[in-house]
Amino acid sequence: MGKGMQTMRPVTKPTKQRKMLFQAPDHIRYKQFAAPLSSELKATHAVRALPVRSGDSVRIVRGDRKGFEGKISRVDRKEYRIYIEGLTREKVDGTTVFAPVHPSKVMITRLNLDDKWRKKILERKKIASKKIEKVAEIAEIAQKPAKEVVEIKEAVVEEKPPKRRARKKAVKKPRAEKVEEKAEEAEKKEKPKAKKKRAKRKATRKTEGET
């Protein structure tokens, strides 16, 4: 690692953890609102959990209001609370207000898919879950005995289409012929080349008129 790079250490002090939670930026707060999906939604979308949004139908699974089901009317990211239609409480002065619920205490029973970006998130997570399943299958095969692995490999080979014919390899010459060729090349290099005779220059005769 370079000199400028620093390793991130996990925060273990409760005071610092609470500080990070309540001073977190909006994109991290969004992830804190994740709630598990019902078994039916898990089967259809192949996703375990998603951040809740207004318009989702949820069921409270923990606390005094356990079993209550309704649609989310408002999400408060500042206070980490959601508000469900029909879930109210009375104040001392007699007025009724929505009762806040933490998103970890609910389970999503119906998703609001009006947003196209949310559909893309579900598609992306579905592909990722399939990849994880394939990796798990490979790991299981690796743990099986050798005979079963061979049978699986044979089945896979039968399913694969036939490969193209490989090109014919060049016929290699025997070693004796190679040695003879090298000896001939060495003899040619040793022989001195015949020198070419230079053409004699013609002597230029002075004419009588020249002084």
C-alpha atoms as a PDB file:
ATOM      1  CA  MET A   1       0.000   0.000   0.000  1.00  0.00           C
ATOM      2  CA  GLY A   2       1.085   3.550  -0.712  1.00  0.00           C
ATOM      3  CA  LYS A   3       2.003   6.105   1.908  1.00  0.00           C
ATOM      4  CA  GLY A   4      -1.166   8.127   1.298  1.00  0.00           C
ATOM      5  CA  MET A   5      -3.496   5.080   1.691  1.00  0.00           C
ATOM      6  CA  GLN A   6      -4.931   4.413   5.153  1.00  0.00           C
ATOM      7  CA  THR A   7      -6.698   1.290   6.423  1.00  0.00           C
ATOM      8  CA  MET A   8     -10.228   1.768   7.791  1.00  0.00           C
ATOM      9  CA  ARG A   9     -10.708   0.435  11.314  1.00  0.00           C
ATOM     10  CA  PRO A  10     -14.190  -0.611  12.534  1.00  0.00           C
ATOM     11  CA  VAL A  11     -15.787   1.779  15.026  1.00  0.00           C
ATOM     12  CA  THR A  12     -16.390  -0.078  18.317  1.00  0.00           C
ATOM     13  CA  LYS A  13     -17.233   2.721  20.766  1.00  0.00           C
ATOM     14  CA  PRO A  14     -21.035   3.078  21.266  1.00  0.00           C
ATOM     15  CA  THR A  15     -20.801   6.880  21.466  1.00  0.00           C
ATOM     16  CA  LYS A  16     -19.077   7.063  18.069  1.00  0.00           C
ATOM     17  CA  GLN A  17     -21.511   4.548  16.564  1.00  0.00           C
ATOM     18  CA  ARG A  18     -24.480   6.694  17.646  1.00  0.00           C
ATOM     19  CA  LYS A  19     -22.752   9.796  16.340  1.00  0.00           C
ATOM     20  CA  MET A  20     -22.228   8.143  12.918  1.00  0.00           C
ATOM     21  CA  LEU A  21     -25.877   7.026  12.865  1.00  0.00           C
ATOM     22  CA  PHE A  22     -27.393  10.425  13.643  1.00  0.00           C
ATOM     23  CA  GLN A  23     -24.927  12.401  11.494  1.00  0.00           C
ATOM     24  CA  ALA A  24     -25.134  10.021   8.506  1.00  0.00           C
ATOM     25  CA  PRO A  25     -25.747  11.513   5.025  1.00  0.00           C
ATOM     26  CA  ASP A  26     -29.005  10.875   3.166  1.00  0.00           C
ATOM     27  CA  HIS A  27     -27.734   8.042   0.917  1.00  0.00           C
ATOM     28  CA  ILE A  28     -26.628   6.035   3.994  1.00  0.00           C
ATOM     29  CA  ARG A  29     -29.851   6.814   5.911  1.00  0.00           C
ATOM     30  CA  TYR A  30     -31.763   5.323   2.947  1.00  0.00           C
ATOM     31  CA  LYS A  31     -30.084   1.939   3.577  1.00  0.00           C
ATOM     32  CA  GLN A  32     -31.023   2.065   7.289  1.00  0.00           C
ATOM     33  CA  PHE A  33     -34.722   1.847   6.255  1.00  0.00           C
ATOM     34  CA  ALA A  34     -34.358  -1.691   4.844  1.00  0.00           C
ATOM     35  CA  ALA A  35     -37.076  -4.145   5.903  1.00  0.00           C
ATOM     36  CA  PRO A  36     -37.507  -7.861   5.091  1.00  0.00           C
ATOM     37  CA  LEU A  37     -39.942  -8.976   2.387  1.00  0.00           C
ATOM     38  CA  SER A  38     -42.736 -11.490   2.942  1.00  0.00           C
ATOM     39  CA  SER A  39     -42.210 -15.106   1.817  1.00  0.00           C
ATOM     40  CA  GLU A  40     -44.416 -14.559  -1.279  1.00  0.00           C
ATOM     41  CA  LEU A  41     -42.415 -11.513  -2.416  1.00  0.00           C
ATOM     42  CA  LYS A  42     -39.128 -13.334  -1.743  1.00  0.00           C
ATOM     43  CA  ALA A  43     -40.215 -16.152  -4.057  1.00  0.00           C
ATOM     44  CA  THR A  44     -41.275 -13.822  -6.899  1.00  0.00           C
ATOM     45  CA  HIS A  45     -38.432 -11.266  -6.769  1.00  0.00           C
ATOM     46  CA  ALA A  46     -35.626 -13.431  -5.260  1.00  0.00           C
ATOM     47  CA  VAL A  47     -34.770 -10.569  -2.869  1.00  0.00           C
ATOM     48  CA  ARG A  48     -34.619 -10.763   0.935  1.00  0.00           C
ATOM     49  CA  ALA A  49     -34.956  -7.084   1.933  1.00  0.00           C
ATOM     50  CA  LEU A  50     -35.527  -3.601   0.487  1.00  0.00           C
ATOM     51  CA  PRO A  51     -35.721  -0.052   1.889  1.00  0.00           C
ATOM     52  CA  VAL A  52     -39.354   0.876   2.600  1.00  0.00           C
ATOM     53  CA  ARG A  53     -41.042   3.700   0.669  1.00  0.00           C
ATOM     54  CA  SER A  54     -44.321   5.562   0.902  1.00  0.00           C
ATOM     55  CA  GLY A  55     -46.997   3.482  -0.825  1.00  0.00           C
ATOM     56  CA  ASP A  56     -45.669   0.096   0.381  1.00  0.00           C
ATOM     57  CA  SER A  57     -47.978  -2.112   2.425  1.00  0.00           C
ATOM     58  CA  VAL A  58     -46.334  -3.395   5.619  1.00  0.00           C
ATOM     59  CA  ARG A  59     -47.153  -5.588   8.621  1.00  0.00           C
ATOM     60  CA  ILE A  60     -45.806  -4.866  12.119  1.00  0.00           C
ATOM     61  CA  VAL A  61     -44.055  -7.987  13.443  1.00  0.00           C
ATOM     62  CA  ARG A  62     -42.741  -6.726  16.808  1.00  0.00           C
ATOM     63  CA  GLY A  63     -43.884  -4.425  19.595  1.00  0.00           C
ATOM     64  CA  ASP A  64     -47.271  -3.404  21.099  1.00  0.00           C
ATOM     65  CA  ARG A  65     -48.939  -3.019  17.665  1.00  0.00           C
ATOM     66  CA  LYS A  66     -47.843  -6.450  16.415  1.00  0.00           C
ATOM     67  CA  GLY A  67     -50.076  -7.801  13.623  1.00  0.00           C
ATOM     68  CA  PHE A  68     -51.258  -4.370  12.387  1.00  0.00           C
ATOM     69  CA  GLU A  69     -51.147  -4.049   8.580  1.00  0.00           C
ATOM     70  CA  GLY A  70     -51.453  -0.911   6.469  1.00  0.00           C
ATOM     71  CA  LYS A  71     -49.954   1.356   3.823  1.00  0.00           C
ATOM     72  CA  ILE A  72     -47.037   3.690   4.567  1.00  0.00           C
ATOM     73  CA  SER A  73     -48.135   7.317   4.351  1.00  0.00           C
ATOM     74  CA  ARG A  74     -44.856   9.071   5.257  1.00  0.00           C
ATOM     75  CA  VAL A  75     -41.154   8.261   5.764  1.00  0.00           C
ATOM     76  CA  ASP A  76     -39.131  10.443   8.152  1.00  0.00           C
ATOM     77  CA  ARG A  77     -35.430   9.942   7.435  1.00  0.00           C
ATOM     78  CA  LYS A  78     -34.351  12.525   9.989  1.00  0.00           C
ATOM     79  CA  GLU A  79     -35.883  10.638  12.934  1.00  0.00           C
ATOM     80  CA  TYR A  80     -35.596   7.114  11.414  1.00  0.00           C
ATOM     81  CA  ARG A  81     -39.353   6.504  11.617  1.00  0.00           C
ATOM     82  CA  ILE A  82     -42.223   5.567   9.281  1.00  0.00           C
ATOM     83  CA  TYR A  83     -45.950   6.383   9.607  1.00  0.00           C
ATOM     84  CA  ILE A  84     -48.684   3.889   8.623  1.00  0.00           C
ATOM     85  CA  GLU A  85     -52.247   4.770   7.618  1.00  0.00           C
ATOM     86  CA  GLY A  86     -54.692   3.943  10.436  1.00  0.00           C
ATOM     87  CA  LEU A  87     -52.009   3.586  13.098  1.00  0.00           C
ATOM     88  CA  THR A  88     -52.727   6.522  15.438  1.00  0.00           C
ATOM     89  CA  ARG A  89     -52.568   7.424  19.129  1.00  0.00           C
ATOM     90  CA  GLU A  90     -54.358   9.950  21.337  1.00  0.00           C
ATOM     91  CA  LYS A  91     -52.568  12.888  22.912  1.00  0.00           C
ATOM     92  CA  VAL A  92     -53.353  14.276  26.350  1.00  0.00           C
ATOM     93  CA  ASP A  93     -55.409  17.099  24.853  1.00  0.00           C
ATOM     94  CA  GLY A  94     -57.575  14.563  22.944  1.00  0.00           C
ATOM     95  CA  THR A  95     -56.165  15.030  19.435  1.00  0.00           C
ATOM     96  CA  THR A  96     -55.048  12.005  17.403  1.00  0.00           C
ATOM     97  CA  VAL A  97     -51.686  11.778  15.670  1.00  0.00           C
ATOM     98  CA  PHE A  98     -49.883   9.094  13.640  1.00  0.00           C
ATOM     99  CA  ALA A  99     -47.808   6.715  15.797  1.00  0.00           C
ATOM    100  CA  PRO A 100     -44.181   6.470  14.630  1.00  0.00           C
ATOM    101  CA  VAL A 101     -42.700   3.021  13.912  1.00  0.00           C
ATOM    102  CA  HIS A 102     -39.082   2.006  13.338  1.00  0.00           C
ATOM    103  CA  PRO A 103     -38.554   0.283   9.938  1.00  0.00           C
ATOM    104  CA  SER A 104     -36.813  -2.713  11.586  1.00  0.00           C
ATOM    105  CA  LYS A 105     -40.149  -3.683  13.223  1.00  0.00           C
ATOM    106  CA  VAL A 106     -42.095  -4.160   9.971  1.00  0.00           C
ATOM    107  CA  MET A 107     -42.249  -6.637   7.102  1.00  0.00           C
ATOM    108  CA  ILE A 108     -43.133  -5.576   3.542  1.00  0.00           C
ATOM    109  CA  THR A 109     -46.236  -7.396   2.209  1.00  0.00           C
ATOM    110  CA  ARG A 110     -46.768  -5.393  -0.995  1.00  0.00           C
ATOM    111  CA  LEU A 111     -44.282  -3.295  -3.001  1.00  0.00           C
ATOM    112  CA  ASN A 112     -44.962   0.043  -4.660  1.00  0.00           C
ATOM    113  CA  LEU A 113     -43.433  -0.370  -8.164  1.00  0.00           C
ATOM    114  CA  ASP A 114     -44.489   2.980  -9.672  1.00  0.00           C
ATOM    115  CA  ASP A 115     -40.834   4.064  -9.708  1.00  0.00           C
ATOM    116  CA  LYS A 116     -38.850   2.682 -12.708  1.00  0.00           C
ATOM    117  CA  TRP A 117     -35.576   2.941 -10.736  1.00  0.00           C
ATOM    118  CA  ARG A 118     -36.918   0.577  -8.090  1.00  0.00           C
ATOM    119  CA  LYS A 119     -37.748  -1.988 -10.782  1.00  0.00           C
ATOM    120  CA  LYS A 120     -34.136  -1.810 -12.010  1.00  0.00           C
ATOM    121  CA  ILE A 121     -32.874  -2.369  -8.437  1.00  0.00           C
ATOM    122  CA  LEU A 122     -35.003  -5.528  -8.165  1.00  0.00           C
ATOM    123  CA  GLU A 123     -33.740  -6.844 -11.533  1.00  0.00           C
ATOM    124  CA  ARG A 124     -30.120  -6.198 -10.547  1.00  0.00           C
ATOM    125  CA  LYS A 125     -30.533  -7.953  -7.179  1.00  0.00           C
ATOM    126  CA  LYS A 126     -32.259 -10.899  -8.856  1.00  0.00           C
ATOM    127  CA  ILE A 127     -29.271 -11.429 -11.193  1.00  0.00           C
ATOM    128  CA  ALA A 128     -26.861 -11.166  -8.249  1.00  0.00           C
ATOM    129  CA  SER A 129     -28.802 -13.788  -6.256  1.00  0.00           C
ATOM    130  CA  LYS A 130     -28.670 -16.219  -9.207  1.00  0.00           C
ATOM    131  CA  LYS A 131     -24.879 -15.834  -9.395  1.00  0.00           C
ATOM    132  CA  ILE A 132     -24.593 -16.577  -5.669  1.00  0.00           C
ATOM    133  CA  GLU A 133     -26.725 -19.727  -6.130  1.00  0.00           C
ATOM    134  CA  LYS A 134     -24.413 -20.942  -8.919  1.00  0.00           C
ATOM    135  CA  VAL A 135     -21.353 -20.412  -6.708  1.00  0.00           C
ATOM    136  CA  ALA A 136     -23.061 -22.384  -3.914  1.00  0.00           C
ATOM    137  CA  GLU A 137     -23.828 -25.254  -6.329  1.00  0.00           C
ATOM    138  CA  ILE A 138     -20.178 -25.387  -7.440  1.00  0.00           C
ATOM    139  CA  ALA A 139     -19.072 -25.473  -3.797  1.00  0.00           C
ATOM    140  CA  GLU A 140     -21.455 -28.377  -3.099  1.00  0.00           C
ATOM    141  CA  ILE A 141     -20.120 -30.316  -6.094  1.00  0.00           C
ATOM    142  CA  ALA A 142     -16.549 -29.788  -4.857  1.00  0.00           C
ATOM    143  CA  GLN A 143     -17.466 -31.358  -1.502  1.00  0.00           C
ATOM    144  CA  LYS A 144     -19.030 -34.474  -3.096  1.00  0.00           C
ATOM    145  CA  PRO A 145     -16.992 -37.691  -3.554  1.00  0.00           C
ATOM    146  CA  ALA A 146     -14.854 -38.146  -6.686  1.00  0.00           C
ATOM    147  CA  LYS A 147     -17.234 -40.634  -8.389  1.00  0.00           C
ATOM    148  CA  GLU A 148     -20.200 -38.239  -8.302  1.00  0.00           C
ATOM    149  CA  VAL A 149     -18.067 -35.364  -9.622  1.00  0.00           C
ATOM    150  CA  VAL A 150     -16.928 -37.512 -12.579  1.00  0.00           C
ATOM    151  CA  GLU A 151     -20.565 -38.405 -13.393  1.00  0.00           C
ATOM    152  CA  ILE A 152     -21.571 -34.721 -13.344  1.00  0.00           C
ATOM    153  CA  LYS A 153     -18.635 -33.779 -15.587  1.00  0.00           C
ATOM    154  CA  GLU A 154     -19.567 -36.535 -18.090  1.00  0.00           C
ATOM    155  CA  ALA A 155     -23.141 -35.250 -18.232  1.00  0.00           C
ATOM    156  CA  VAL A 156     -21.903 -31.702 -18.887  1.00  0.00           C
ATOM    157  CA  VAL A 157     -19.539 -32.920 -21.649  1.00  0.00           C
ATOM    158  CA  GLU A 158     -22.405 -34.744 -23.412  1.00  0.00           C
ATOM    159  CA  GLU A 159     -24.525 -31.573 -23.410  1.00  0.00           C
ATOM    160  CA  LYS A 160     -21.750 -29.428 -24.959  1.00  0.00           C
ATOM    161  CA  PRO A 161     -21.777 -29.068 -28.817  1.00  0.00           C
ATOM    162  CA  PRO A 162     -18.957 -30.738 -30.783  1.00  0.00           C
ATOM    163  CA  LYS A 163     -15.839 -28.602 -31.179  1.00  0.00           C
ATOM    164  CA  ARG A 164     -14.369 -27.603 -34.551  1.00  0.00           C
ATOM    165  CA  ARG A 165     -11.650 -29.781 -36.021  1.00  0.00           C
ATOM    166  CA  ALA A 166      -8.193 -28.700 -34.991  1.00  0.00           C
ATOM    167  CA  ARG A 167      -5.724 -27.714 -37.714  1.00  0.00           C
ATOM    168  CA  LYS A 168      -3.070 -30.267 -38.671  1.00  0.00           C
ATOM    169  CA  LYS A 169       0.256 -29.594 -37.038  1.00  0.00           C
ATOM    170  CA  ALA A 170       3.381 -29.265 -39.201  1.00  0.00           C
ATOM    171  CA  VAL A 171       5.395 -32.474 -39.477  1.00  0.00           C
ATOM    172  CA  LYS A 172       8.578 -32.128 -37.483  1.00  0.00           C
ATOM    173  CA  LYS A 173      11.850 -33.029 -39.235  1.00  0.00           C
ATOM    174  CA  PRO A 174      14.081 -35.673 -37.649  1.00  0.00           C
ATOM    175  CA  ARG A 175      17.002 -34.464 -35.584  1.00  0.00           C
ATOM    176  CA  ALA A 176      19.666 -35.837 -38.028  1.00  0.00           C
ATOM    177  CA  GLU A 177      18.304 -33.719 -40.908  1.00  0.00           C
ATOM    178  CA  LYS A 178      18.372 -30.589 -38.732  1.00  0.00           C
ATOM    179  CA  VAL A 179      22.028 -31.222 -37.808  1.00  0.00           C
ATOM    180  CA  GLU A 180      22.993 -31.635 -41.516  1.00  0.00           C
ATOM    181  CA  GLU A 181      21.207 -28.376 -42.454  1.00  0.00           C
ATOM    182  CA  LYS A 182      23.021 -26.470 -39.701  1.00  0.00           C
ATOM    183  CA  ALA A 183      26.404 -27.900 -40.851  1.00  0.00           C
ATOM    184  CA  GLU A 184      25.739 -26.787 -44.452  1.00  0.00           C
ATOM    185  CA  GLU A 185      24.858 -23.261 -43.281  1.00  0.00           C
ATOM    186  CA  ALA A 186      28.071 -23.094 -41.231  1.00  0.00           C
ATOM    187  CA  GLU A 187      30.197 -24.155 -44.274  1.00  0.00           C
ATOM    188  CA  LYS A 188      28.629 -21.454 -46.433  1.00  0.00           C
ATOM    189  CA  LYS A 189      29.483 -18.810 -43.839  1.00  0.00           C
ATOM    190  CA  GLU A 190      33.129 -19.972 -43.590  1.00  0.00           C
ATOM    191  CA  LYS A 191      33.833 -19.749 -47.370  1.00  0.00           C
ATOM    192  CA  PRO A 192      35.361 -16.321 -48.242  1.00  0.00           C
ATOM    193  CA  LYS A 193      33.473 -14.315 -50.811  1.00  0.00           C
ATOM    194  CA  ALA A 194      35.274 -13.579 -54.119  1.00  0.00           C
ATOM    195  CA  LYS A 195      36.266  -9.926 -54.323  1.00  0.00           C
ATOM    196  CA  LYS A 196      34.965  -7.994 -57.290  1.00  0.00           C
ATOM    197  CA  LYS A 197      37.592  -6.245 -59.439  1.00  0.00           C
ATOM    198  CA  ARG A 198      37.271  -2.493 -59.550  1.00  0.00           C
ATOM    199  CA  ALA A 199      36.786  -0.957 -62.951  1.00  0.00           C
ATOM    200  CA  LYS A 200      39.804   1.143 -64.006  1.00  0.00           C
ATOM    201  CA  ARG A 201      39.155   4.825 -64.492  1.00  0.00           C
ATOM    202  CA  LYS A 202      39.744   6.119 -67.989  1.00  0.00           C
ATOM    203  CA  ALA A 203      42.621   8.584 -68.182  1.00  0.00           C
ATOM    204  CA  THR A 204      41.442  11.931 -69.442  1.00  0.00           C
ATOM    205  CA  ARG A 205      43.695  13.295 -72.185  1.00  0.00           C
ATOM    206  CA  LYS A 206      44.232  16.985 -72.444  1.00  0.00           C
ATOM    207  CA  THR A 207      43.219  18.510 -75.735  1.00  0.00           C
ATOM    208  CA  GLU A 208      45.612  20.671 -77.662  1.00  0.00           C
ATOM    209  CA  GLY A 209      43.478  23.734 -77.117  1.00  0.00           C
ATOM    210  CA  GLU A 210      43.689  23.481 -73.350  1.00  0.00           C
ATOM    211  CA  THR A 211      46.555  25.224 -71.596  1.00  0.00           C
END
